[in-house]
């Protein structure tokens, strides 16, 4: 893929930008940040209005720990294309890193309006409500999440933990047991179930 895309580098700016965008993304996936940054810069310089190029540039900046700057690139991508879901998702993650929780929640709720059944988005919203110490909202979003991914043991054990913290032992047992059914080697879940049976 890298070799094929490199053949397009010498074409006109739009083709060059598209090829550089894909090259940047491939290098990013391979964790070669220097190369990913070079191609992200080339893509942005070739076409400043390419939201995918701006998102990739944001990703390389994010990976280097400059979250404020990454947020600027994601916002610029969204100004060029308000339906760029990758930029919106990554902006939400960036706000989480910056501890700007309300803004992060706003991003993920907007995304939820676009991608109704995205497991990742539902998980992020539930996690933010947990950070905000609103367990009832976190539970509500996790229940939506298990309607999308009913066999995810991590989500099921998270629900068990939240219900346990709320003092609802029977619901906690139900979700911990379901989690155990799908992934019987989670020591935390086994410990909880053992303690429950002793009680």
C-alpha atoms as a PDB file:
ATOM      1  CA  UNK A   1       0.000   0.000   0.000  1.00  0.00           C
ATOM      2  CA  UNK A   2       2.826   2.387   0.904  1.00  0.00           C
ATOM      3  CA  UNK A   3       4.625   1.755  -2.405  1.00  0.00           C
ATOM      4  CA  UNK A   4       1.468   2.270  -4.461  1.00  0.00           C
ATOM      5  CA  UNK A   5       0.565   5.510  -2.690  1.00  0.00           C
ATOM      6  CA  UNK A   6       4.081   6.911  -3.112  1.00  0.00           C
ATOM      7  CA  UNK A   7       3.562   6.782  -6.901  1.00  0.00           C
ATOM      8  CA  UNK A   8       0.890   9.487  -6.552  1.00  0.00           C
ATOM      9  CA  UNK A   9       3.169  11.952  -4.738  1.00  0.00           C
ATOM     10  CA  UNK A  10       4.129  13.782  -7.922  1.00  0.00           C
ATOM     11  CA  UNK A  11       0.561  14.309  -9.209  1.00  0.00           C
ATOM     12  CA  UNK A  12      -1.520  17.492  -8.879  1.00  0.00           C
ATOM     13  CA  UNK A  13      -2.196  18.887  -5.422  1.00  0.00           C
ATOM     14  CA  UNK A  14      -5.571  17.186  -4.750  1.00  0.00           C
ATOM     15  CA  UNK A  15      -4.294  13.715  -5.707  1.00  0.00           C
ATOM     16  CA  UNK A  16      -1.054  14.387  -3.823  1.00  0.00           C
ATOM     17  CA  UNK A  17      -3.036  15.449  -0.749  1.00  0.00           C
ATOM     18  CA  UNK A  18      -5.194  12.291  -0.863  1.00  0.00           C
ATOM     19  CA  UNK A  19      -2.125  10.033  -1.272  1.00  0.00           C
ATOM     20  CA  UNK A  20      -0.208  11.846   1.481  1.00  0.00           C
ATOM     21  CA  UNK A  21      -3.260  11.609   3.774  1.00  0.00           C
ATOM     22  CA  UNK A  22      -3.383   7.839   3.328  1.00  0.00           C
ATOM     23  CA  UNK A  23       0.384   7.489   3.698  1.00  0.00           C
ATOM     24  CA  UNK A  24       0.269   9.522   6.905  1.00  0.00           C
ATOM     25  CA  UNK A  25      -2.478   7.289   8.273  1.00  0.00           C
ATOM     26  CA  UNK A  26      -0.611   4.074   7.373  1.00  0.00           C
ATOM     27  CA  UNK A  27       2.598   5.308   9.016  1.00  0.00           C
ATOM     28  CA  UNK A  28       0.552   6.377  12.053  1.00  0.00           C
ATOM     29  CA  UNK A  29      -0.882   2.844  12.317  1.00  0.00           C
ATOM     30  CA  UNK A  30       2.663   1.465  12.148  1.00  0.00           C
ATOM     31  CA  UNK A  31       3.634   3.866  14.957  1.00  0.00           C
ATOM     32  CA  UNK A  32       6.200   5.631  12.752  1.00  0.00           C
ATOM     33  CA  UNK A  33       5.316   9.094  13.986  1.00  0.00           C
ATOM     34  CA  UNK A  34       8.087  11.000  12.191  1.00  0.00           C
ATOM     35  CA  UNK A  35       6.991   9.665   8.784  1.00  0.00           C
ATOM     36  CA  UNK A  36       3.305  10.107   9.690  1.00  0.00           C
ATOM     37  CA  UNK A  37       4.019  13.750  10.586  1.00  0.00           C
ATOM     38  CA  UNK A  38       5.939  14.371   7.332  1.00  0.00           C
ATOM     39  CA  UNK A  39       3.093  13.061   5.192  1.00  0.00           C
ATOM     40  CA  UNK A  40       0.446  14.812   7.306  1.00  0.00           C
ATOM     41  CA  UNK A  41       2.297  18.099   6.697  1.00  0.00           C
ATOM     42  CA  UNK A  42       2.541  17.351   2.966  1.00  0.00           C
ATOM     43  CA  UNK A  43      -1.197  16.545   2.813  1.00  0.00           C
ATOM     44  CA  UNK A  44      -2.190  19.730   4.656  1.00  0.00           C
ATOM     45  CA  UNK A  45       0.163  21.894   2.558  1.00  0.00           C
ATOM     46  CA  UNK A  46      -1.225  20.379  -0.669  1.00  0.00           C
ATOM     47  CA  UNK A  47      -4.869  20.945   0.354  1.00  0.00           C
ATOM     48  CA  UNK A  48      -5.549  23.024   3.466  1.00  0.00           C
ATOM     49  CA  UNK A  49      -9.287  22.209   3.262  1.00  0.00           C
ATOM     50  CA  UNK A  50      -8.884  18.429   3.403  1.00  0.00           C
ATOM     51  CA  UNK A  51     -10.533  17.369   6.715  1.00  0.00           C
ATOM     52  CA  UNK A  52      -8.870  13.920   6.680  1.00  0.00           C
ATOM     53  CA  UNK A  53      -5.432  15.522   6.298  1.00  0.00           C
ATOM     54  CA  UNK A  54      -6.142  17.911   9.185  1.00  0.00           C
ATOM     55  CA  UNK A  55      -7.391  15.017  11.327  1.00  0.00           C
ATOM     56  CA  UNK A  56      -4.201  13.028  10.616  1.00  0.00           C
ATOM     57  CA  UNK A  57      -2.112  16.070  11.498  1.00  0.00           C
ATOM     58  CA  UNK A  58      -4.080  16.361  14.732  1.00  0.00           C
ATOM     59  CA  UNK A  59      -3.424  12.674  15.443  1.00  0.00           C
ATOM     60  CA  UNK A  60       0.337  13.047  15.056  1.00  0.00           C
ATOM     61  CA  UNK A  61       0.342  16.130  17.302  1.00  0.00           C
ATOM     62  CA  UNK A  62      -1.863  14.274  19.837  1.00  0.00           C
ATOM     63  CA  UNK A  63       0.556  11.299  19.820  1.00  0.00           C
ATOM     64  CA  UNK A  64       3.365  13.730  20.668  1.00  0.00           C
ATOM     65  CA  UNK A  65       1.396  14.970  23.680  1.00  0.00           C
ATOM     66  CA  UNK A  66       0.434  18.473  22.451  1.00  0.00           C
ATOM     67  CA  UNK A  67      -3.295  18.168  23.133  1.00  0.00           C
ATOM     68  CA  UNK A  68      -4.143  21.878  22.779  1.00  0.00           C
ATOM     69  CA  UNK A  69      -2.620  21.989  19.296  1.00  0.00           C
ATOM     70  CA  UNK A  70      -4.298  18.694  18.343  1.00  0.00           C
ATOM     71  CA  UNK A  71      -7.670  20.199  19.329  1.00  0.00           C
ATOM     72  CA  UNK A  72      -7.008  23.129  16.971  1.00  0.00           C
ATOM     73  CA  UNK A  73      -6.418  20.776  14.017  1.00  0.00           C
ATOM     74  CA  UNK A  74      -9.561  18.770  14.799  1.00  0.00           C
ATOM     75  CA  UNK A  75     -11.608  21.976  15.062  1.00  0.00           C
ATOM     76  CA  UNK A  76     -10.216  23.186  11.731  1.00  0.00           C
ATOM     77  CA  UNK A  77     -11.161  19.839  10.145  1.00  0.00           C
ATOM     78  CA  UNK A  78     -14.698  20.278  11.499  1.00  0.00           C
ATOM     79  CA  UNK A  79     -14.895  23.853  10.159  1.00  0.00           C
ATOM     80  CA  UNK A  80     -14.096  22.441   6.699  1.00  0.00           C
ATOM     81  CA  UNK A  81     -16.488  19.487   7.048  1.00  0.00           C
ATOM     82  CA  UNK A  82     -18.903  19.446   9.978  1.00  0.00           C
ATOM     83  CA  UNK A  83     -19.715  15.768   9.313  1.00  0.00           C
ATOM     84  CA  UNK A  84     -16.106  14.572   9.799  1.00  0.00           C
ATOM     85  CA  UNK A  85     -16.853  12.039  12.540  1.00  0.00           C
ATOM     86  CA  UNK A  86     -13.178  11.087  13.075  1.00  0.00           C
ATOM     87  CA  UNK A  87     -12.273  14.684  13.895  1.00  0.00           C
ATOM     88  CA  UNK A  88     -15.256  15.032  16.243  1.00  0.00           C
ATOM     89  CA  UNK A  89     -14.445  11.754  18.043  1.00  0.00           C
ATOM     90  CA  UNK A  90     -10.766  12.662  18.400  1.00  0.00           C
ATOM     91  CA  UNK A  91     -11.697  16.164  19.599  1.00  0.00           C
ATOM     92  CA  UNK A  92     -13.802  14.510  22.330  1.00  0.00           C
ATOM     93  CA  UNK A  93     -10.828  12.340  23.347  1.00  0.00           C
ATOM     94  CA  UNK A  94      -8.566  15.401  23.355  1.00  0.00           C
ATOM     95  CA  UNK A  95     -10.947  17.327  25.619  1.00  0.00           C
ATOM     96  CA  UNK A  96     -10.980  14.290  27.946  1.00  0.00           C
ATOM     97  CA  UNK A  97      -7.164  14.386  28.084  1.00  0.00           C
ATOM     98  CA  UNK A  98      -7.318  18.122  28.827  1.00  0.00           C
ATOM     99  CA  UNK A  99      -9.888  17.426  31.585  1.00  0.00           C
ATOM    100  CA  UNK A 100     -12.467  19.609  29.797  1.00  0.00           C
ATOM    101  CA  UNK A 101     -15.157  17.054  30.553  1.00  0.00           C
ATOM    102  CA  UNK A 102     -18.241  19.105  29.602  1.00  0.00           C
ATOM    103  CA  UNK A 103     -16.786  19.872  26.166  1.00  0.00           C
ATOM    104  CA  UNK A 104     -15.841  16.217  25.705  1.00  0.00           C
ATOM    105  CA  UNK A 105     -19.397  15.161  26.558  1.00  0.00           C
ATOM    106  CA  UNK A 106     -20.754  17.709  24.082  1.00  0.00           C
ATOM    107  CA  UNK A 107     -18.599  16.194  21.285  1.00  0.00           C
ATOM    108  CA  UNK A 108     -19.718  12.644  22.021  1.00  0.00           C
ATOM    109  CA  UNK A 109     -23.406  13.594  22.305  1.00  0.00           C
ATOM    110  CA  UNK A 110     -23.157  15.291  18.886  1.00  0.00           C
ATOM    111  CA  UNK A 111     -21.518  12.142  17.542  1.00  0.00           C
ATOM    112  CA  UNK A 112     -24.266  10.008  19.049  1.00  0.00           C
ATOM    113  CA  UNK A 113     -26.808  12.038  17.065  1.00  0.00           C
ATOM    114  CA  UNK A 114     -24.889  11.136  13.866  1.00  0.00           C
ATOM    115  CA  UNK A 115     -23.845   7.539  14.734  1.00  0.00           C
ATOM    116  CA  UNK A 116     -26.770   6.173  16.748  1.00  0.00           C
ATOM    117  CA  UNK A 117     -25.380   2.677  17.369  1.00  0.00           C
ATOM    118  CA  UNK A 118     -21.652   3.283  17.658  1.00  0.00           C
ATOM    119  CA  UNK A 119     -20.348   1.156  20.536  1.00  0.00           C
ATOM    120  CA  UNK A 120     -17.266   3.398  20.929  1.00  0.00           C
ATOM    121  CA  UNK A 121     -19.375   6.560  21.240  1.00  0.00           C
ATOM    122  CA  UNK A 122     -21.791   4.980  23.736  1.00  0.00           C
ATOM    123  CA  UNK A 123     -18.805   3.746  25.779  1.00  0.00           C
ATOM    124  CA  UNK A 124     -17.213   7.213  25.830  1.00  0.00           C
ATOM    125  CA  UNK A 125     -20.472   8.865  26.979  1.00  0.00           C
ATOM    126  CA  UNK A 126     -20.917   6.290  29.769  1.00  0.00           C
ATOM    127  CA  UNK A 127     -17.285   6.757  30.819  1.00  0.00           C
ATOM    128  CA  UNK A 128     -17.666  10.550  30.959  1.00  0.00           C
ATOM    129  CA  UNK A 129     -20.756  10.263  33.180  1.00  0.00           C
ATOM    130  CA  UNK A 130     -18.729   7.957  35.421  1.00  0.00           C
ATOM    131  CA  UNK A 131     -15.956  10.583  35.591  1.00  0.00           C
ATOM    132  CA  UNK A 132     -18.643  13.185  36.426  1.00  0.00           C
ATOM    133  CA  UNK A 133     -19.787  10.875  39.251  1.00  0.00           C
ATOM    134  CA  UNK A 134     -23.284  10.419  37.806  1.00  0.00           C
ATOM    135  CA  UNK A 135     -23.704   6.622  38.094  1.00  0.00           C
ATOM    136  CA  UNK A 136     -27.379   6.544  37.069  1.00  0.00           C
ATOM    137  CA  UNK A 137     -26.554   8.226  33.729  1.00  0.00           C
ATOM    138  CA  UNK A 138     -23.496   5.982  33.295  1.00  0.00           C
ATOM    139  CA  UNK A 139     -25.708   2.904  33.843  1.00  0.00           C
ATOM    140  CA  UNK A 140     -28.299   4.214  31.362  1.00  0.00           C
ATOM    141  CA  UNK A 141     -25.669   4.629  28.617  1.00  0.00           C
ATOM    142  CA  UNK A 142     -24.044   1.267  29.402  1.00  0.00           C
ATOM    143  CA  UNK A 143     -27.467  -0.401  29.055  1.00  0.00           C
ATOM    144  CA  UNK A 144     -27.734   1.169  25.592  1.00  0.00           C
ATOM    145  CA  UNK A 145     -24.217  -0.089  24.887  1.00  0.00           C
ATOM    146  CA  UNK A 146     -25.032  -3.719  25.759  1.00  0.00           C
ATOM    147  CA  UNK A 147     -28.011  -3.572  23.406  1.00  0.00           C
ATOM    148  CA  UNK A 148     -25.360  -3.000  20.680  1.00  0.00           C
ATOM    149  CA  UNK A 149     -22.655  -5.372  22.033  1.00  0.00           C
ATOM    150  CA  UNK A 150     -24.540  -7.818  24.301  1.00  0.00           C
ATOM    151  CA  UNK A 151     -21.586 -10.181  24.808  1.00  0.00           C
ATOM    152  CA  UNK A 152     -18.883  -7.701  25.878  1.00  0.00           C
ATOM    153  CA  UNK A 153     -17.650  -8.991  29.272  1.00  0.00           C
ATOM    154  CA  UNK A 154     -15.918  -5.694  30.140  1.00  0.00           C
ATOM    155  CA  UNK A 155     -19.146  -3.690  29.735  1.00  0.00           C
ATOM    156  CA  UNK A 156     -21.131  -6.304  31.662  1.00  0.00           C
ATOM    157  CA  UNK A 157     -18.667  -6.261  34.589  1.00  0.00           C
ATOM    158  CA  UNK A 158     -18.676  -2.430  34.540  1.00  0.00           C
ATOM    159  CA  UNK A 159     -22.477  -2.530  34.904  1.00  0.00           C
ATOM    160  CA  UNK A 160     -22.093  -5.035  37.743  1.00  0.00           C
ATOM    161  CA  UNK A 161     -19.632  -2.719  39.497  1.00  0.00           C
ATOM    162  CA  UNK A 162     -21.871   0.347  39.118  1.00  0.00           C
ATOM    163  CA  UNK A 163     -24.951  -1.509  40.406  1.00  0.00           C
ATOM    164  CA  UNK A 164     -22.867  -2.853  43.313  1.00  0.00           C
ATOM    165  CA  UNK A 165     -21.734   0.687  44.190  1.00  0.00           C
ATOM    166  CA  UNK A 166     -25.399   1.753  44.116  1.00  0.00           C
ATOM    167  CA  UNK A 167     -26.239  -1.059  46.573  1.00  0.00           C
ATOM    168  CA  UNK A 168     -28.305  -3.092  44.091  1.00  0.00           C
ATOM    169  CA  UNK A 169     -26.810  -6.553  44.725  1.00  0.00           C
ATOM    170  CA  UNK A 170     -29.272  -8.527  42.586  1.00  0.00           C
ATOM    171  CA  UNK A 171     -28.619  -6.443  39.452  1.00  0.00           C
ATOM    172  CA  UNK A 172     -24.898  -6.453  40.234  1.00  0.00           C
ATOM    173  CA  UNK A 173     -24.990 -10.255  40.462  1.00  0.00           C
ATOM    174  CA  UNK A 174     -26.880 -10.525  37.171  1.00  0.00           C
ATOM    175  CA  UNK A 175     -24.300  -8.484  35.216  1.00  0.00           C
ATOM    176  CA  UNK A 176     -21.247  -9.949  36.953  1.00  0.00           C
ATOM    177  CA  UNK A 177     -22.572 -13.449  36.245  1.00  0.00           C
ATOM    178  CA  UNK A 178     -23.202 -12.581  32.573  1.00  0.00           C
ATOM    179  CA  UNK A 179     -19.673 -11.179  32.349  1.00  0.00           C
ATOM    180  CA  UNK A 180     -18.322 -14.405  33.886  1.00  0.00           C
ATOM    181  CA  UNK A 181     -20.278 -16.481  31.334  1.00  0.00           C
ATOM    182  CA  UNK A 182     -18.577 -14.736  28.406  1.00  0.00           C
ATOM    183  CA  UNK A 183     -15.119 -14.398  29.974  1.00  0.00           C
ATOM    184  CA  UNK A 184     -14.641 -16.865  32.856  1.00  0.00           C
ATOM    185  CA  UNK A 185     -11.046 -15.913  33.672  1.00  0.00           C
ATOM    186  CA  UNK A 186     -11.499 -12.345  34.950  1.00  0.00           C
ATOM    187  CA  UNK A 187     -10.178 -12.607  38.529  1.00  0.00           C
ATOM    188  CA  UNK A 188     -12.017  -9.468  39.735  1.00  0.00           C
ATOM    189  CA  UNK A 189     -15.363 -10.865  38.573  1.00  0.00           C
ATOM    190  CA  UNK A 190     -14.620 -14.305  40.105  1.00  0.00           C
ATOM    191  CA  UNK A 191     -13.701 -12.657  43.426  1.00  0.00           C
ATOM    192  CA  UNK A 192     -16.934 -10.634  43.452  1.00  0.00           C
ATOM    193  CA  UNK A 193     -19.060 -13.693  42.656  1.00  0.00           C
ATOM    194  CA  UNK A 194     -17.253 -15.748  45.314  1.00  0.00           C
ATOM    195  CA  UNK A 195     -17.872 -13.063  47.951  1.00  0.00           C
ATOM    196  CA  UNK A 196     -21.520 -12.802  46.842  1.00  0.00           C
ATOM    197  CA  UNK A 197     -22.043 -16.563  47.264  1.00  0.00           C
ATOM    198  CA  UNK A 198     -20.382 -16.477  50.713  1.00  0.00           C
ATOM    199  CA  UNK A 199     -22.788 -13.659  51.743  1.00  0.00           C
END
